[in-house]
C-alpha cells in the first residue's frame, strides 16, 4: 500500500469515527458535552452557541484553577482548513449570552496552529489523518487565566469561525472555579496571534466566507461577509480591541489577501456586523456548476459515458432546514482508477435539489437541478488511485422539499465513470 492509499484510507477511518468529516470542537480541556469522547461537532440551526451545551444542562463539575495558571487549549483540524479560533471568558451565570463572551475576549489565533496540518504539503486545503479526538496532531494554543477575574465561577468559550469551505460557527465551553493567584485591577486588551500552516510566522490567518463570529449562524454559511468559498487571508474583524503585532514580512501576503480589519471597527457585538457585509448571495459561489439538463437517457451534464466497475455508497446523511449533507465512499475496483467521475442522481421527492459544494476527494463538475450532479477528482492525490482504495467525498446541497434523512439515504443513486 503506497502513501497515497494510506492517506485515503486514513481519511475514511477518520470519517467513520467522527461522522462529521471536518467539523471541530474542543478536545482539551474537556467541554461541557465531552466532545472529545463523542468526536462530534454541533452544526446547523440547533447549534447556535454560545456553548456546546446550555448552562441548564451542564452537568460536569467546574475545574478549579488559579488566576495566571496556564491552560493548553486543543482541538482537531478534522479535515478542514482555515479560520480563526476565539477564546473568551464570561461569568458562568451569563454563559448562555453571546454578548457576555463578546465582551470578554482574551485571544484570537489561527485554526491550524501547534502541530495540526494537512497530510499533503502540496494541498494545504486538503484532508488530514489526525484522529478526531485530538489525541495526536492536535491544533494547540496556550493561554493564562486572566488575572483581572475575581474569585468565582467563570466559563471559557472556544469558538471557530471562517473555516473552509462554507462552515458555520462552532462553539465549545469549559466551566471553571477561579480561586487565588495574582490579581490585576483591569483586563488586558484582547490579543490576535497570527500565523498558521499556510502563513507561518505572519500576522494573519487563512479563512473563508467571514472574518467574524455571528454571520455564519447556519451551515452552509447563510450570511457570508465575502464571496462564499473564496479563500482569503488577513486579520479578524476586531481591530478596535485587538493588539496586532506587525511582522517583518508584510510583503509576503498573496494578492488575494487584503487586510480587511478596519481600524475603526467596533468591538465584536454581533448586531454591528451586517451593515458592512457585501451583497454576494451564497448561490453565486459555485461558478463551476452549470445548470444544463442531462443529454437524454442516461446522459449526464459532464458527458461521461464509460462506466467503471468501482462502486459508490452512502456513509452518512444529515439534513437541516433546506440543506442536506452526505458523505459518499467510492470503493475502487480497477487496478488503477484515473480521471473518474461520480454521478449522483437525486430522488424525485427532492424537487429542484442541487449540490453546491464538495469536499475532500471530489470537486463539483456540474449539476442539473432536480436531476443529478457530477463530481470529479479534487486534485492529484485523489486521482490515479489503486484497487482497494476508498475515496471519501462530502457533498452539501439544497433540499428544497425538506425530505427526511432516511428518504435521501434510500433515494440517492450513484454511477461511477472513467475517462
Protein backbone atom coordinates (compact mmCIF):
# COMPACT_ATOMS: atom_id res chain seq x y z
CA UNK A 1 0.00 0.00 0.00
CA UNK A 2 1.58 3.30 -1.05
CA UNK A 3 1.46 6.58 0.85
CA UNK A 4 -1.37 7.90 -1.27
CA UNK A 5 -3.52 4.88 -0.48
CA UNK A 6 -2.67 5.07 3.22
CA UNK A 7 -3.76 8.69 3.23
CA UNK A 8 -7.06 7.96 1.51
CA UNK A 9 -7.86 5.06 3.79
CA UNK A 10 -6.91 7.22 6.75
CA UNK A 11 -9.45 9.80 5.69
CA UNK A 12 -12.13 7.16 5.62
CA UNK A 13 -11.25 5.91 9.09
CA UNK A 14 -11.43 9.43 10.49
CA UNK A 15 -14.75 9.97 8.76
CA UNK A 16 -16.13 6.70 10.07
CA UNK A 17 -15.20 7.55 13.62
CA UNK A 18 -16.21 11.20 13.58
CA UNK A 19 -19.22 11.07 11.25
CA UNK A 20 -18.66 14.79 10.71
CA UNK A 21 -15.67 14.98 8.37
CA UNK A 22 -14.20 18.29 9.19
CA UNK A 23 -16.20 19.87 11.98
CA UNK A 24 -14.16 20.80 15.00
CA UNK A 25 -14.62 21.13 18.76
CA UNK A 26 -12.62 21.47 21.93
CA UNK A 27 -10.80 18.29 22.96
CA UNK A 28 -8.74 19.75 25.84
CA UNK A 29 -9.86 20.84 28.39
CA UNK A 30 -12.98 18.65 28.34
CA UNK A 31 -16.02 20.57 27.12
CA UNK A 32 -19.44 20.55 28.77
CA UNK A 33 -20.72 17.78 26.48
CA UNK A 34 -17.37 15.94 26.35
CA UNK A 35 -16.97 16.40 22.59
CA UNK A 36 -13.59 14.65 22.69
CA UNK A 37 -15.25 11.39 23.70
CA UNK A 38 -18.12 11.63 21.24
CA UNK A 39 -15.96 13.16 18.43
CA UNK A 40 -18.97 15.03 17.13
CA UNK A 41 -19.27 18.73 16.45
CA UNK A 42 -22.58 20.53 16.67
CA UNK A 43 -23.71 22.23 13.46
CA UNK A 44 -26.78 23.64 11.79
CA UNK A 45 -29.75 25.58 13.11
CA UNK A 46 -29.76 23.81 16.50
CA UNK A 47 -26.12 24.67 17.20
CA UNK A 48 -26.01 28.43 17.55
CA UNK A 49 -23.85 28.62 20.68
CA UNK A 50 -22.58 30.31 22.67
CA UNK A 51 -21.70 26.91 24.21
CA UNK A 52 -21.91 23.29 23.12
CA UNK A 53 -24.49 22.80 25.88
CA UNK A 54 -26.60 25.43 27.67
CA UNK A 55 -25.98 26.16 31.33
CA UNK A 56 -29.17 24.41 32.46
CA UNK A 57 -27.92 21.07 31.11
CA UNK A 58 -24.24 21.49 32.09
CA UNK A 59 -23.51 18.54 34.36
CA UNK A 60 -19.70 18.49 34.51
CA UNK A 61 -18.15 19.82 37.71
CA UNK A 62 -16.18 23.04 37.20
CA UNK A 63 -12.38 22.84 37.14
CA UNK A 64 -10.70 24.70 40.00
CA UNK A 65 -7.87 26.90 38.76
CA UNK A 66 -5.91 29.96 39.91
CA UNK A 67 -5.50 33.26 38.13
CA UNK A 68 -2.40 33.25 35.94
CA UNK A 69 -2.40 29.46 35.54
CA UNK A 70 -1.61 28.09 32.07
CA UNK A 71 -4.26 26.26 30.03
CA UNK A 72 -3.36 24.17 26.97
CA UNK A 73 -6.30 24.54 24.56
CA UNK A 74 -6.54 21.81 21.90
CA UNK A 75 -8.83 20.84 19.02
CA UNK A 76 -8.60 18.60 15.92
CA UNK A 77 -8.13 20.06 12.43
CA UNK A 78 -10.54 17.32 11.33
CA UNK A 79 -10.12 17.68 7.55
CA UNK A 80 -10.98 21.37 7.23
CA UNK A 81 -8.51 24.19 6.74
CA UNK A 82 -8.55 27.83 7.73
CA UNK A 83 -10.41 30.12 10.04
CA UNK A 84 -9.95 31.79 13.41
CA UNK A 85 -10.21 30.46 16.96
CA UNK A 86 -11.56 32.91 19.54
CA UNK A 87 -11.08 32.33 23.27
CA UNK A 88 -13.30 34.37 25.59
CA UNK A 89 -14.46 34.38 29.22
CA UNK A 90 -17.79 35.16 30.84
CA UNK A 91 -19.28 34.62 34.29
CA UNK A 92 -20.81 31.14 34.23
CA UNK A 93 -24.17 32.63 35.20
CA UNK A 94 -24.08 34.58 31.89
CA UNK A 95 -22.73 31.76 29.72
CA UNK A 96 -25.91 31.47 27.66
CA UNK A 97 -25.28 35.00 26.36
CA UNK A 98 -23.24 35.70 23.23
CA UNK A 99 -22.84 39.31 24.35
CA UNK A 100 -21.18 38.24 27.63
CA UNK A 101 -18.47 36.35 25.77
CA UNK A 102 -18.15 39.09 23.13
CA UNK A 103 -17.26 41.45 25.99
CA UNK A 104 -14.66 39.06 27.45
CA UNK A 105 -12.40 38.14 24.54
CA UNK A 106 -8.90 37.16 25.60
CA UNK A 107 -7.25 35.97 22.38
CA UNK A 108 -7.83 35.14 18.73
CA UNK A 109 -5.47 32.80 16.90
CA UNK A 110 -5.48 30.81 13.66
CA UNK A 111 -7.22 27.46 13.40
CA UNK A 112 -4.24 25.49 12.01
CA UNK A 113 -1.61 26.02 14.71
CA UNK A 114 0.51 24.00 17.10
CA UNK A 115 1.00 20.74 15.21
CA UNK A 116 -2.13 20.20 13.11
CA UNK A 117 -1.64 20.09 9.36
CA UNK A 118 -2.90 18.53 6.12
CA UNK A 119 -1.37 15.22 5.10
CA UNK A 120 -0.10 16.59 1.78
CA UNK A 121 2.14 19.67 1.81
CA UNK A 122 1.16 20.28 -1.82
CA UNK A 123 -2.54 20.52 -0.87
CA UNK A 124 -2.78 22.94 2.09
CA UNK A 125 -6.59 22.83 1.99
CA UNK A 126 -6.67 19.03 1.83
CA UNK A 127 -7.63 16.41 4.36
CA UNK A 128 -5.68 15.00 7.27
CA UNK A 129 -5.43 11.69 9.08
CA UNK A 130 -5.13 13.22 12.52
CA UNK A 131 -7.55 11.47 14.89
CA UNK A 132 -10.86 13.23 15.52
CA UNK A 133 -10.37 13.08 19.29
CA UNK A 134 -7.28 15.30 19.02
CA UNK A 135 -5.14 12.76 20.85
CA UNK A 136 -2.30 13.45 18.42
CA UNK A 137 -1.56 16.10 15.79
CA UNK A 138 -3.87 18.43 17.68
CA UNK A 139 -4.12 22.14 16.99
CA UNK A 140 -2.88 23.82 20.17
CA UNK A 141 -2.52 27.23 21.81
CA UNK A 142 -1.70 28.12 25.41
CA UNK A 143 -3.33 30.87 27.42
CA UNK A 144 -3.13 32.03 31.03
CA UNK A 145 -6.19 32.56 33.17
CA UNK A 146 -6.80 36.34 33.10
CA UNK A 147 -5.62 37.98 36.30
CA UNK A 148 -8.39 40.58 36.37
CA UNK A 149 -11.06 37.94 37.07
CA UNK A 150 -12.25 37.78 40.68
CA UNK A 151 -12.68 34.54 42.56
CA UNK A 152 -15.81 32.79 41.37
CA UNK A 153 -17.44 30.77 38.58
CA UNK A 154 -16.35 31.57 35.00
CA UNK A 155 -16.70 29.85 31.64
CA UNK A 156 -14.07 29.67 28.89
CA UNK A 157 -15.57 29.72 25.40
CA UNK A 158 -13.80 28.26 22.36
CA UNK A 159 -15.27 29.45 19.05
CA UNK A 160 -14.20 28.66 15.47
CA UNK A 161 -15.29 30.79 12.53
CA UNK A 162 -14.18 31.28 8.91
CA UNK A 163 -13.34 27.61 8.28
CA UNK A 164 -13.26 26.04 4.81
CA UNK A 165 -15.40 25.97 2.92
CA UNK A 166 -18.91 27.04 3.91
CA UNK A 167 -18.93 26.14 7.58
CA UNK A 168 -20.99 27.79 10.27
CA UNK A 169 -19.71 28.94 13.66
CA UNK A 170 -18.65 26.24 16.13
CA UNK A 171 -18.61 26.51 19.91
CA UNK A 172 -17.32 24.65 22.97
CA UNK A 173 -17.32 25.71 26.63
CA UNK A 174 -15.48 24.71 29.81
CA UNK A 175 -16.62 25.78 33.28
CA UNK A 176 -14.06 26.87 35.88
CA UNK A 177 -13.96 27.85 39.53
CA UNK A 178 -11.30 30.54 39.80
CA UNK A 179 -9.63 30.78 43.18
CA UNK A 180 -6.44 32.56 44.20
CA UNK A 181 -3.46 33.72 42.17
CA UNK A 182 -2.16 37.18 41.32
CA UNK A 183 -4.81 39.80 40.61
CA UNK A 184 -4.78 42.79 38.26
CA UNK A 185 -7.00 45.82 38.55
CA UNK A 186 -8.11 45.84 34.90
CA UNK A 187 -8.43 43.49 31.93
CA UNK A 188 -5.70 43.26 29.32
CA UNK A 189 -6.64 44.15 25.74
CA UNK A 190 -7.57 41.18 23.55
CA UNK A 191 -4.64 39.82 21.51
CA UNK A 192 -4.52 38.49 17.96
CA UNK A 193 -1.76 35.94 17.32
CA UNK A 194 -1.43 35.21 13.61
CA UNK A 195 0.49 32.55 11.74
CA UNK A 196 -0.94 29.24 10.54
CA UNK A 197 0.11 26.31 8.36
CA UNK A 198 -0.22 28.35 5.16
CA UNK A 199 1.25 31.59 6.55
CA UNK A 200 3.72 30.57 9.28
CA UNK A 201 5.21 33.45 11.24
CA UNK A 202 2.91 36.01 9.63
CA UNK A 203 0.38 38.18 11.41
CA UNK A 204 -2.65 36.79 9.59
CA UNK A 205 -4.73 33.63 9.12
CA UNK A 206 -6.22 31.94 6.09
CA UNK A 207 -10.02 31.99 6.22
CA UNK A 208 -13.18 31.60 4.16
CA UNK A 209 -16.55 33.40 3.99
CA UNK A 210 -16.23 35.51 7.15
CA UNK A 211 -13.69 37.17 9.43
CA UNK A 212 -16.09 37.47 12.41
CA UNK A 213 -18.49 35.47 14.52
CA UNK A 214 -22.30 35.69 14.30
CA UNK A 215 -22.53 35.82 10.49
CA UNK A 216 -22.45 32.12 9.58
CA UNK A 217 -25.06 31.00 12.09
CA UNK A 218 -26.28 28.18 9.86
CA UNK A 219 -24.46 25.82 7.53
CA UNK A 220 -23.70 26.29 4.71
CA UNK A 221 -22.80 29.84 5.78
CA UNK A 222 -26.03 31.79 5.45
CA UNK A 223 -24.68 35.34 5.53
CA UNK A 224 -21.06 35.46 4.32
CA UNK A 225 -19.08 38.68 4.58
CA UNK A 226 -17.07 37.70 1.50
CA UNK A 227 -17.86 35.55 -1.53
CA UNK A 228 -18.85 32.08 -0.39
CA UNK A 229 -15.93 29.60 -0.50
CA UNK A 230 -13.43 32.27 -1.56
CA UNK A 231 -10.11 31.79 0.25
CA UNK A 232 -8.78 34.95 1.88
CA UNK A 233 -6.18 35.85 4.49
CA UNK A 234 -5.78 38.64 6.99
CA UNK A 235 -6.80 39.78 10.46
CA UNK A 236 -10.03 39.09 12.31
CA UNK A 237 -12.63 41.85 12.37
CA UNK A 238 -11.85 43.07 15.86
CA UNK A 239 -9.18 45.70 15.31
CA UNK A 240 -10.81 48.10 17.75
CA UNK A 241 -9.97 45.78 20.63
CA UNK A 242 -7.18 43.55 19.32
CA UNK A 243 -3.47 44.18 19.79
CA UNK A 244 -1.85 43.36 16.46
CA UNK A 245 1.87 42.67 16.34
CA UNK A 246 3.40 43.50 12.93
CA UNK A 247 5.86 41.03 11.49
CA UNK A 248 8.98 41.66 9.44
CA UNK A 249 7.49 40.08 6.32
CA UNK A 250 4.32 42.03 5.44
CA UNK A 251 5.08 41.84 1.72
CA UNK A 252 4.62 38.07 1.72
CA UNK A 253 0.83 38.30 1.56
CA UNK A 254 -0.73 36.78 -1.59
CA UNK A 255 -2.66 39.04 -3.90
CA UNK A 256 -6.00 37.69 -2.83
CA UNK A 257 -5.43 38.59 0.80
CA UNK A 258 -6.47 42.18 1.52
CA UNK A 259 -6.09 43.46 5.06
CA UNK A 260 -9.75 43.57 5.84
CA UNK A 261 -9.67 44.56 9.50
CA UNK A 262 -10.77 48.23 9.57
CA UNK A 263 -9.05 50.18 12.31
CA UNK A 264 -12.25 51.95 13.19
CA UNK A 265 -14.15 48.69 13.65
CA UNK A 266 -16.37 48.43 16.69
CA UNK A 267 -15.88 45.55 19.04
CA UNK A 268 -17.42 42.27 18.15
CA UNK A 269 -21.09 42.82 19.01
CA UNK A 270 -22.97 40.65 16.52
CA UNK A 271 -25.57 43.28 15.71
CA UNK A 272 -22.96 45.68 14.31
CA UNK A 273 -21.55 43.43 11.63
CA UNK A 274 -24.28 43.09 8.97
CA UNK A 275 -24.17 46.69 7.77
CA UNK A 276 -20.70 46.12 6.33
CA UNK A 277 -21.33 42.87 4.53
CA UNK A 278 -21.05 42.85 0.74
CA UNK A 279 -24.08 41.80 -1.16
CA UNK A 280 -22.89 38.49 -2.60
CA UNK A 281 -25.57 35.82 -2.38
CA UNK A 282 -24.39 32.33 -1.47
CA UNK A 283 -25.90 30.96 -4.64
CA UNK A 284 -23.34 32.90 -6.68
CA UNK A 285 -20.38 30.99 -5.35
CA UNK A 286 -20.14 27.67 -7.18
CA UNK A 287 -19.34 29.09 -10.62
CA UNK A 288 -18.33 25.64 -11.80
CA UNK A 289 -21.90 24.35 -11.56
CA UNK A 290 -23.79 24.94 -14.81
CA UNK A 291 -27.47 24.17 -14.84
CA UNK A 292 -27.77 22.33 -18.18
CA UNK A 293 -30.09 19.34 -18.29
CA UNK A 294 -28.84 15.82 -19.00
CA UNK A 295 -28.19 14.88 -22.60
CA UNK A 296 -31.13 12.49 -22.73
CA UNK A 297 -31.49 8.94 -21.44
CA UNK A 298 -28.68 8.14 -19.02
CA UNK A 299 -26.68 11.13 -20.20
CA UNK A 300 -25.13 13.42 -17.61
CA UNK A 301 -24.12 17.05 -17.54
CA UNK A 302 -20.44 16.05 -17.59
CA UNK A 303 -20.90 13.99 -20.79
CA UNK A 304 -19.26 10.91 -19.26
CA UNK A 305 -20.23 7.60 -20.91
CA UNK A 306 -17.66 4.91 -19.95
CA UNK A 307 -18.81 3.03 -16.87
CA UNK A 308 -16.41 2.00 -14.13
CA UNK A 309 -16.56 -1.23 -12.13
CA UNK A 310 -15.94 0.84 -8.97
CA UNK A 311 -18.99 1.38 -6.79
CA UNK A 312 -20.18 4.27 -4.60
CA UNK A 313 -22.29 4.08 -1.47
CA UNK A 314 -23.66 6.35 1.27
CA UNK A 315 -21.75 6.55 4.53
CA UNK A 316 -23.94 9.15 6.26
CA UNK A 317 -26.56 11.83 5.56
CA UNK A 318 -27.56 14.87 7.61
CA UNK A 319 -30.27 17.46 6.96
CA UNK A 320 -31.06 20.88 8.44
CA UNK A 321 -33.61 23.29 7.03
CA UNK A 322 -33.42 23.19 3.24
CA UNK A 323 -29.84 21.88 3.26
CA UNK A 324 -28.54 18.33 3.11
CA UNK A 325 -25.06 16.92 3.64
CA UNK A 326 -23.89 13.47 2.61
CA UNK A 327 -20.66 11.50 2.90
CA UNK A 328 -20.14 9.13 -0.04
CA UNK A 329 -17.48 6.42 -0.41
CA UNK A 330 -16.15 5.11 -3.74
CA UNK A 331 -14.65 1.61 -3.47
CA UNK A 332 -12.05 1.39 -6.26
CA UNK A 333 -12.30 -1.91 -8.17
CA UNK A 334 -9.96 -1.23 -11.11
CA UNK A 335 -6.23 -1.92 -10.90
CA UNK A 336 -5.86 1.87 -11.18
CA UNK A 337 -8.70 4.36 -11.50
CA UNK A 338 -7.81 7.59 -13.29
CA UNK A 339 -9.94 10.61 -14.24
CA UNK A 340 -13.02 9.16 -12.60
CA UNK A 341 -16.38 10.88 -12.34
CA UNK A 342 -19.18 10.26 -9.87
CA UNK A 343 -22.78 10.92 -10.92
CA UNK A 344 -25.20 11.41 -8.02
CA UNK A 345 -28.86 11.08 -9.05
CA UNK A 346 -31.47 12.76 -6.84
CA UNK A 347 -34.78 11.13 -5.93
CA UNK A 348 -37.74 12.96 -7.46
CA UNK A 349 -39.04 13.77 -3.96
CA UNK A 350 -36.13 16.21 -3.54
CA UNK A 351 -37.63 18.55 -6.13
CA UNK A 352 -35.17 21.02 -7.64
CA UNK A 353 -32.29 19.89 -5.41
CA UNK A 354 -28.72 20.75 -6.38
CA UNK A 355 -25.26 20.12 -4.97
CA UNK A 356 -23.44 23.36 -4.19
CA UNK A 357 -20.13 22.38 -2.60
CA UNK A 358 -17.95 19.26 -2.50
CA UNK A 359 -15.10 18.49 -0.08
CA UNK A 360 -12.24 16.01 0.32
CA UNK A 361 -11.60 13.70 -2.68
CA UNK A 362 -14.05 15.37 -5.06
CA UNK A 363 -14.93 18.70 -6.63
CA UNK A 364 -18.10 19.71 -8.45
CA UNK A 365 -18.05 19.36 -12.23
CA UNK A 366 -21.68 20.32 -12.88
CA UNK A 367 -25.20 19.93 -11.54
CA UNK A 368 -28.58 19.54 -13.22
CA UNK A 369 -31.18 20.82 -10.71
CA UNK A 370 -33.67 18.21 -9.65
CA UNK A 371 -31.86 15.51 -11.61
CA UNK A 372 -28.20 14.87 -10.80
CA UNK A 373 -24.69 16.24 -10.19
CA UNK A 374 -21.30 15.11 -11.45
CA UNK A 375 -18.18 15.13 -9.27
CA UNK A 376 -14.57 14.66 -10.43
CA UNK A 377 -11.22 14.33 -8.55
CA UNK A 378 -10.36 17.34 -6.39
CA UNK A 379 -6.60 17.13 -7.03
CA UNK A 380 -3.76 14.75 -7.84
CA UNK A 381 -3.88 12.80 -4.61
CA UNK A 382 -7.48 11.77 -5.36
CA UNK A 383 -6.69 10.57 -8.88
CA UNK A 384 -4.87 7.56 -10.38
CA UNK A 385 -5.68 5.51 -7.28
CA UNK A 386 -5.05 1.82 -6.71
CA UNK A 387 -7.52 -1.03 -6.39
CA UNK A 388 -8.93 -1.33 -2.89
CA UNK A 389 -8.64 2.39 -2.15
CA UNK A 390 -11.72 4.05 -0.68
CA UNK A 391 -12.30 7.62 -1.82
CA UNK A 392 -14.34 9.72 0.61
CA UNK A 393 -16.39 12.64 -0.70
CA UNK A 394 -18.52 15.06 1.31
CA UNK A 395 -21.23 16.99 -0.51
CA UNK A 396 -23.58 19.75 0.59
CA UNK A 397 -26.56 20.94 -1.36
CA UNK A 398 -30.15 22.10 -1.32
CA UNK A 399 -33.13 20.09 -0.13
CA UNK A 400 -35.99 22.43 -1.08
CA UNK A 401 -38.73 19.92 -0.25
CA UNK A 402 -37.16 19.20 3.17
CA UNK A 403 -37.40 15.44 2.73
CA UNK A 404 -36.05 13.34 5.57
CA UNK A 405 -32.57 11.96 6.11
CA UNK A 406 -33.88 8.42 5.59
CA UNK A 407 -35.61 9.37 2.33
CA UNK A 408 -32.42 10.94 0.98
CA UNK A 409 -30.33 7.96 2.11
CA UNK A 410 -32.59 5.47 0.36
CA UNK A 411 -33.28 7.69 -2.68
CA UNK A 412 -29.82 8.81 -3.83
CA UNK A 413 -28.33 6.73 -6.67
CA UNK A 414 -24.73 6.65 -7.90
CA UNK A 415 -22.82 5.88 -11.08
CA UNK A 416 -19.02 5.86 -11.40
CA UNK A 417 -17.45 6.68 -14.76
CA UNK A 418 -13.87 6.71 -16.03
CA UNK A 419 -12.29 8.64 -18.86
